[in-house]
Amino acid sequence: MGITKMMWSASKNKTETKKTKVAVKPAEVRAVLDYPQQGEKITAPQYTFRAGTFGGDVELVTISINQGPWEPCRNSAGYWWYDWSGYAEGRCQAEVKARTKDGRVITSKPCKFQVALGTDGKQR
């Protein structure tokens, strides 16, 4: 095989290479309400919720307690926190929502817990 034929063959192989597209899947983002835990009993007159997020660039976490308005949480020490007070006794439910910088919104599973305060608002 001559040099010209070899060069032509090599260039032909380069141009015929198939281009394949690789689909890049965005990272799965999760939002979890760490505390209170499912079924926990809150006995203090103030409580701080802790939420965790995993797998994405989260810019905001909000919390809804008893299907109320979504309130912003603060970010500190790798978690998201919400201070809660002025609540009544009874069964409660909370969930958190995380919003990533690219606009995705992820909601946690609902967490059911109970508040059990004395009539004077002190721990039992």
N, C-alpha and C. Protein backbone atom coordinates (compact mmCIF):
# COMPACT_ATOMS: atom_id res chain seq x y z
N MET A 1 0.86 -1.16 0.00
CA MET A 1 0.00 0.00 0.00
C MET A 1 0.91 1.22 0.00
N GLY A 2 0.60 2.16 -0.89
CA GLY A 2 1.41 3.37 -0.98
C GLY A 2 1.03 4.37 0.10
N ILE A 3 1.91 5.36 0.30
CA ILE A 3 1.70 6.37 1.33
C ILE A 3 0.43 7.17 1.09
N THR A 4 0.09 7.49 -0.13
CA THR A 4 -1.10 8.26 -0.45
C THR A 4 -2.35 7.48 -0.07
N LYS A 5 -2.36 6.20 -0.43
CA LYS A 5 -3.52 5.36 -0.12
C LYS A 5 -3.68 5.21 1.39
N MET A 6 -2.55 5.08 2.14
CA MET A 6 -2.60 4.95 3.58
C MET A 6 -3.17 6.21 4.22
N MET A 7 -2.75 7.38 3.74
CA MET A 7 -3.23 8.66 4.28
C MET A 7 -4.73 8.81 4.01
N TRP A 8 -5.15 8.45 2.79
CA TRP A 8 -6.56 8.55 2.44
C TRP A 8 -7.39 7.63 3.33
N SER A 9 -6.92 6.42 3.58
CA SER A 9 -7.62 5.45 4.40
C SER A 9 -7.74 5.95 5.84
N ALA A 10 -6.67 6.53 6.38
CA ALA A 10 -6.68 7.05 7.75
C ALA A 10 -7.64 8.21 7.88
N SER A 11 -7.66 9.13 6.90
CA SER A 11 -8.56 10.29 6.99
C SER A 11 -10.02 9.85 6.82
N LYS A 12 -10.27 8.84 6.01
CA LYS A 12 -11.62 8.32 5.82
C LYS A 12 -12.15 7.75 7.13
N ASN A 13 -11.31 6.99 7.85
CA ASN A 13 -11.72 6.41 9.13
C ASN A 13 -12.04 7.49 10.15
N LYS A 14 -11.30 8.59 10.15
CA LYS A 14 -11.55 9.69 11.09
C LYS A 14 -12.91 10.33 10.84
N THR A 15 -13.24 10.57 9.57
CA THR A 15 -14.48 11.26 9.26
C THR A 15 -15.70 10.37 9.41
N GLU A 16 -15.53 9.08 9.38
CA GLU A 16 -16.67 8.18 9.49
C GLU A 16 -16.97 7.77 10.93
N THR A 17 -16.18 8.24 11.87
CA THR A 17 -16.42 7.88 13.27
C THR A 17 -17.78 8.43 13.69
N LYS A 18 -18.59 7.58 14.29
CA LYS A 18 -19.92 7.99 14.73
C LYS A 18 -19.79 8.83 16.00
N LYS A 19 -20.57 9.89 16.06
CA LYS A 19 -20.60 10.73 17.25
C LYS A 19 -21.81 10.29 18.07
N THR A 20 -21.56 10.00 19.31
CA THR A 20 -22.66 9.59 20.19
C THR A 20 -22.87 10.66 21.24
N LYS A 21 -24.12 10.91 21.56
CA LYS A 21 -24.46 11.88 22.60
C LYS A 21 -24.68 11.13 23.90
N VAL A 22 -24.08 11.66 24.94
CA VAL A 22 -24.25 11.07 26.26
C VAL A 22 -25.19 11.97 27.04
N ALA A 23 -26.28 11.39 27.50
CA ALA A 23 -27.24 12.15 28.28
C ALA A 23 -26.72 12.27 29.71
N VAL A 24 -26.59 13.49 30.18
CA VAL A 24 -26.13 13.72 31.55
C VAL A 24 -27.36 13.96 32.41
N LYS A 25 -27.54 13.11 33.36
CA LYS A 25 -28.69 13.20 34.24
C LYS A 25 -28.35 14.12 35.40
N PRO A 26 -29.23 15.09 35.73
CA PRO A 26 -28.93 15.96 36.87
C PRO A 26 -28.90 15.14 38.17
N ALA A 27 -28.09 15.59 39.09
CA ALA A 27 -27.97 14.88 40.36
C ALA A 27 -29.33 14.82 41.06
N GLU A 28 -29.61 13.69 41.65
CA GLU A 28 -30.86 13.55 42.40
C GLU A 28 -30.74 14.35 43.68
N VAL A 29 -31.66 15.24 43.90
CA VAL A 29 -31.66 16.08 45.10
C VAL A 29 -32.70 15.54 46.06
N ARG A 30 -32.34 15.49 47.32
CA ARG A 30 -33.30 15.03 48.33
C ARG A 30 -33.37 16.06 49.45
N ALA A 31 -34.55 16.22 50.00
CA ALA A 31 -34.78 17.06 51.17
C ALA A 31 -35.37 16.17 52.26
N VAL A 32 -34.80 16.25 53.45
CA VAL A 32 -35.23 15.37 54.54
C VAL A 32 -35.41 16.20 55.81
N LEU A 33 -36.51 15.99 56.50
CA LEU A 33 -36.71 16.62 57.80
C LEU A 33 -36.10 15.67 58.83
N ASP A 34 -34.93 16.06 59.38
CA ASP A 34 -34.22 15.20 60.33
C ASP A 34 -34.87 15.21 61.71
N TYR A 35 -35.25 16.39 62.18
CA TYR A 35 -35.86 16.55 63.51
C TYR A 35 -36.98 17.56 63.41
N PRO A 36 -38.16 17.23 63.95
CA PRO A 36 -38.42 16.06 64.76
C PRO A 36 -38.47 14.80 63.90
N GLN A 37 -38.27 13.70 64.55
CA GLN A 37 -38.37 12.42 63.85
C GLN A 37 -39.82 11.96 63.86
N GLN A 38 -40.14 11.05 62.96
CA GLN A 38 -41.49 10.50 62.84
C GLN A 38 -41.95 9.99 64.20
N GLY A 39 -43.11 10.47 64.69
CA GLY A 39 -43.69 10.01 65.94
C GLY A 39 -43.10 10.64 67.19
N GLU A 40 -42.16 11.56 67.04
CA GLU A 40 -41.53 12.20 68.21
C GLU A 40 -42.54 13.04 68.99
N LYS A 41 -42.31 13.15 70.30
CA LYS A 41 -43.15 13.98 71.16
C LYS A 41 -42.35 15.21 71.58
N ILE A 42 -42.85 16.38 71.24
CA ILE A 42 -42.20 17.63 71.62
C ILE A 42 -42.84 18.12 72.91
N THR A 43 -42.00 18.36 73.92
CA THR A 43 -42.52 18.78 75.22
C THR A 43 -42.00 20.15 75.65
N ALA A 44 -41.19 20.78 74.84
CA ALA A 44 -40.62 22.08 75.17
C ALA A 44 -41.45 23.21 74.55
N PRO A 45 -41.45 24.39 75.18
CA PRO A 45 -42.22 25.50 74.62
C PRO A 45 -41.60 26.13 73.37
N GLN A 46 -40.35 25.82 73.07
CA GLN A 46 -39.70 26.23 71.82
C GLN A 46 -39.04 24.99 71.23
N TYR A 47 -38.99 24.95 69.90
CA TYR A 47 -38.39 23.79 69.23
C TYR A 47 -37.70 24.26 67.96
N THR A 48 -36.56 23.66 67.64
CA THR A 48 -35.85 23.98 66.40
C THR A 48 -35.85 22.77 65.49
N PHE A 49 -36.46 22.93 64.32
CA PHE A 49 -36.50 21.88 63.30
C PHE A 49 -35.15 21.85 62.59
N ARG A 50 -34.71 20.66 62.18
CA ARG A 50 -33.49 20.52 61.39
C ARG A 50 -33.79 19.75 60.11
N ALA A 51 -33.41 20.33 58.99
CA ALA A 51 -33.60 19.69 57.68
C ALA A 51 -32.25 19.50 57.03
N GLY A 52 -32.14 18.43 56.26
CA GLY A 52 -30.93 18.16 55.50
C GLY A 52 -31.26 18.07 54.03
N THR A 53 -30.29 18.44 53.20
CA THR A 53 -30.44 18.32 51.75
C THR A 53 -29.23 17.59 51.20
N PHE A 54 -29.44 16.82 50.15
CA PHE A 54 -28.39 15.99 49.57
C PHE A 54 -28.44 16.04 48.05
N GLY A 55 -27.28 16.03 47.43
CA GLY A 55 -27.17 15.80 46.01
C GLY A 55 -27.38 16.97 45.09
N GLY A 56 -27.36 18.19 45.56
CA GLY A 56 -27.55 19.31 44.64
C GLY A 56 -27.15 20.62 45.26
N ASP A 57 -27.16 21.64 44.47
CA ASP A 57 -26.79 22.98 44.90
C ASP A 57 -28.06 23.69 45.36
N VAL A 58 -28.41 23.53 46.63
CA VAL A 58 -29.66 24.05 47.17
C VAL A 58 -29.46 25.50 47.61
N GLU A 59 -30.40 26.37 47.20
CA GLU A 59 -30.30 27.77 47.57
C GLU A 59 -31.32 28.20 48.62
N LEU A 60 -32.39 27.41 48.80
CA LEU A 60 -33.43 27.79 49.75
C LEU A 60 -34.16 26.55 50.25
N VAL A 61 -34.44 26.53 51.55
CA VAL A 61 -35.28 25.48 52.14
C VAL A 61 -36.38 26.19 52.91
N THR A 62 -37.61 25.71 52.73
CA THR A 62 -38.75 26.25 53.47
C THR A 62 -39.45 25.11 54.18
N ILE A 63 -40.22 25.46 55.22
CA ILE A 63 -40.94 24.45 56.01
C ILE A 63 -42.39 24.86 56.13
N SER A 64 -43.26 23.85 56.11
CA SER A 64 -44.69 24.06 56.34
C SER A 64 -45.11 23.16 57.49
N ILE A 65 -45.72 23.76 58.49
CA ILE A 65 -46.18 23.02 59.66
C ILE A 65 -47.71 23.02 59.64
N ASN A 66 -48.29 21.84 59.74
CA ASN A 66 -49.75 21.66 59.72
C ASN A 66 -50.37 22.30 58.48
N GLN A 67 -49.73 22.13 57.35
CA GLN A 67 -50.19 22.64 56.05
C GLN A 67 -50.37 24.15 56.04
N GLY A 68 -49.58 24.83 56.90
CA GLY A 68 -49.60 26.29 56.95
C GLY A 68 -48.69 26.88 55.88
N PRO A 69 -48.44 28.18 55.98
CA PRO A 69 -47.60 28.83 54.97
C PRO A 69 -46.16 28.29 55.00
N TRP A 70 -45.49 28.38 53.87
CA TRP A 70 -44.10 27.94 53.76
C TRP A 70 -43.21 29.05 54.32
N GLU A 71 -42.44 28.70 55.36
CA GLU A 71 -41.56 29.65 56.04
C GLU A 71 -40.11 29.33 55.72
N PRO A 72 -39.26 30.36 55.50
CA PRO A 72 -37.86 30.09 55.17
C PRO A 72 -37.07 29.56 56.37
N CYS A 73 -36.15 28.67 56.08
CA CYS A 73 -35.23 28.14 57.09
C CYS A 73 -33.88 28.83 56.93
N ARG A 74 -33.08 28.83 57.98
CA ARG A 74 -31.74 29.41 57.89
C ARG A 74 -30.72 28.30 57.69
N ASN A 75 -29.67 28.61 56.99
CA ASN A 75 -28.62 27.63 56.69
C ASN A 75 -27.44 27.87 57.62
N SER A 76 -27.04 26.82 58.35
CA SER A 76 -25.90 26.92 59.25
C SER A 76 -25.38 25.53 59.54
N ALA A 77 -24.06 25.40 59.57
CA ALA A 77 -23.39 24.15 59.94
C ALA A 77 -23.82 22.97 59.06
N GLY A 78 -24.11 23.23 57.80
CA GLY A 78 -24.44 22.16 56.86
C GLY A 78 -25.88 21.68 56.91
N TYR A 79 -26.72 22.34 57.70
CA TYR A 79 -28.14 21.98 57.80
C TYR A 79 -28.99 23.23 57.64
N TRP A 80 -30.29 23.03 57.56
CA TRP A 80 -31.26 24.11 57.48
C TRP A 80 -32.10 24.05 58.75
N TRP A 81 -32.33 25.20 59.40
CA TRP A 81 -32.95 25.27 60.72
C TRP A 81 -34.16 26.19 60.70
N TYR A 82 -35.16 25.83 61.54
CA TYR A 82 -36.33 26.69 61.70
C TYR A 82 -36.73 26.67 63.18
N ASP A 83 -36.77 27.85 63.79
CA ASP A 83 -37.15 27.98 65.20
C ASP A 83 -38.66 28.15 65.29
N TRP A 84 -39.29 27.35 66.14
CA TRP A 84 -40.74 27.31 66.25
C TRP A 84 -41.13 27.55 67.70
N SER A 85 -42.13 28.39 67.93
CA SER A 85 -42.65 28.63 69.29
C SER A 85 -44.09 29.10 69.17
N GLY A 86 -44.75 29.19 70.32
CA GLY A 86 -46.13 29.66 70.34
C GLY A 86 -47.13 28.65 69.79
N TYR A 87 -46.81 27.39 69.87
CA TYR A 87 -47.68 26.36 69.32
C TYR A 87 -48.53 25.73 70.43
N ALA A 88 -49.58 25.07 70.01
CA ALA A 88 -50.51 24.41 70.94
C ALA A 88 -50.24 22.90 70.95
N GLU A 89 -50.81 22.25 71.94
CA GLU A 89 -50.70 20.79 72.02
C GLU A 89 -51.48 20.14 70.89
N GLY A 90 -51.06 18.94 70.58
CA GLY A 90 -51.81 18.17 69.59
C GLY A 90 -50.91 17.46 68.60
N ARG A 91 -51.57 16.78 67.66
CA ARG A 91 -50.85 16.08 66.59
C ARG A 91 -50.49 17.09 65.52
N CYS A 92 -49.30 16.95 64.99
CA CYS A 92 -48.81 17.90 63.98
C CYS A 92 -48.15 17.16 62.83
N GLN A 93 -47.94 17.91 61.77
CA GLN A 93 -47.27 17.38 60.59
C GLN A 93 -46.42 18.51 60.00
N ALA A 94 -45.24 18.15 59.53
CA ALA A 94 -44.37 19.14 58.88
C ALA A 94 -43.71 18.52 57.66
N GLU A 95 -43.40 19.36 56.69
CA GLU A 95 -42.62 18.93 55.53
C GLU A 95 -41.74 20.10 55.10
N VAL A 96 -40.64 19.78 54.43
CA VAL A 96 -39.74 20.80 53.94
C VAL A 96 -39.64 20.72 52.42
N LYS A 97 -39.36 21.89 51.83
CA LYS A 97 -39.14 21.98 50.38
C LYS A 97 -37.77 22.59 50.16
N ALA A 98 -37.02 22.02 49.22
CA ALA A 98 -35.72 22.56 48.86
C ALA A 98 -35.79 23.05 47.41
N ARG A 99 -35.20 24.21 47.16
CA ARG A 99 -35.13 24.73 45.79
C ARG A 99 -33.66 24.84 45.40
N THR A 100 -33.32 24.24 44.26
CA THR A 100 -31.94 24.28 43.78
C THR A 100 -31.70 25.55 42.97
N LYS A 101 -30.44 25.85 42.74
CA LYS A 101 -30.09 27.05 41.97
C LYS A 101 -30.58 26.97 40.53
N ASP A 102 -30.79 25.75 40.02
CA ASP A 102 -31.31 25.63 38.65
C ASP A 102 -32.84 25.56 38.62
N GLY A 103 -33.51 25.82 39.77
CA GLY A 103 -34.96 25.94 39.80
C GLY A 103 -35.76 24.71 40.16
N ARG A 104 -35.10 23.58 40.38
CA ARG A 104 -35.85 22.37 40.76
C ARG A 104 -36.35 22.52 42.20
N VAL A 105 -37.55 22.00 42.47
CA VAL A 105 -38.14 22.03 43.81
C VAL A 105 -38.42 20.61 44.25
N ILE A 106 -37.92 20.25 45.42
CA ILE A 106 -38.06 18.90 45.95
C ILE A 106 -38.72 19.00 47.32
N THR A 107 -39.76 18.21 47.55
CA THR A 107 -40.48 18.22 48.83
C THR A 107 -40.22 16.92 49.57
N SER A 108 -40.01 17.04 50.87
CA SER A 108 -39.77 15.85 51.71
C SER A 108 -41.07 15.10 51.94
N LYS A 109 -40.94 13.92 52.49
CA LYS A 109 -42.12 13.19 52.95
C LYS A 109 -42.62 13.88 54.21
N PRO A 110 -43.94 13.87 54.44
CA PRO A 110 -44.46 14.49 55.67
C PRO A 110 -43.96 13.75 56.92
N CYS A 111 -43.69 14.51 57.95
CA CYS A 111 -43.28 13.95 59.24
C CYS A 111 -44.38 14.25 60.25
N LYS A 112 -44.91 13.20 60.86
CA LYS A 112 -45.96 13.37 61.86
C LYS A 112 -45.34 13.27 63.25
N PHE A 113 -45.70 14.23 64.11
CA PHE A 113 -45.17 14.27 65.48
C PHE A 113 -46.25 14.82 66.39
N GLN A 114 -45.96 14.87 67.69
CA GLN A 114 -46.96 15.31 68.65
C GLN A 114 -46.35 16.37 69.57
N VAL A 115 -47.16 17.37 69.92
CA VAL A 115 -46.77 18.36 70.91
C VAL A 115 -47.55 18.07 72.18
N ALA A 116 -46.82 17.93 73.30
CA ALA A 116 -47.45 17.64 74.59
C ALA A 116 -46.88 18.58 75.64
N LEU A 117 -47.53 19.71 75.83
CA LEU A 117 -47.11 20.71 76.81
C LEU A 117 -48.04 20.69 78.02
N GLY A 118 -47.54 21.16 79.15
CA GLY A 118 -48.41 21.35 80.31
C GLY A 118 -49.24 22.60 80.09
N THR A 119 -50.24 22.83 80.90
CA THR A 119 -51.10 24.00 80.73
C THR A 119 -50.34 25.30 80.94
N ASP A 120 -49.20 25.24 81.65
CA ASP A 120 -48.42 26.45 81.87
C ASP A 120 -47.33 26.64 80.80
N GLY A 121 -47.29 25.75 79.79
CA GLY A 121 -46.32 25.86 78.72
C GLY A 121 -44.97 25.28 79.06
N LYS A 122 -44.86 24.62 80.23
CA LYS A 122 -43.59 24.04 80.64
C LYS A 122 -43.53 22.57 80.27
N GLN A 123 -42.32 22.02 80.30
CA GLN A 123 -42.14 20.60 79.97
C GLN A 123 -42.89 19.71 80.92
N ARG A 124 -43.35 18.59 80.38
CA ARG A 124 -43.97 17.55 81.22
C ARG A 124 -42.94 16.52 81.57
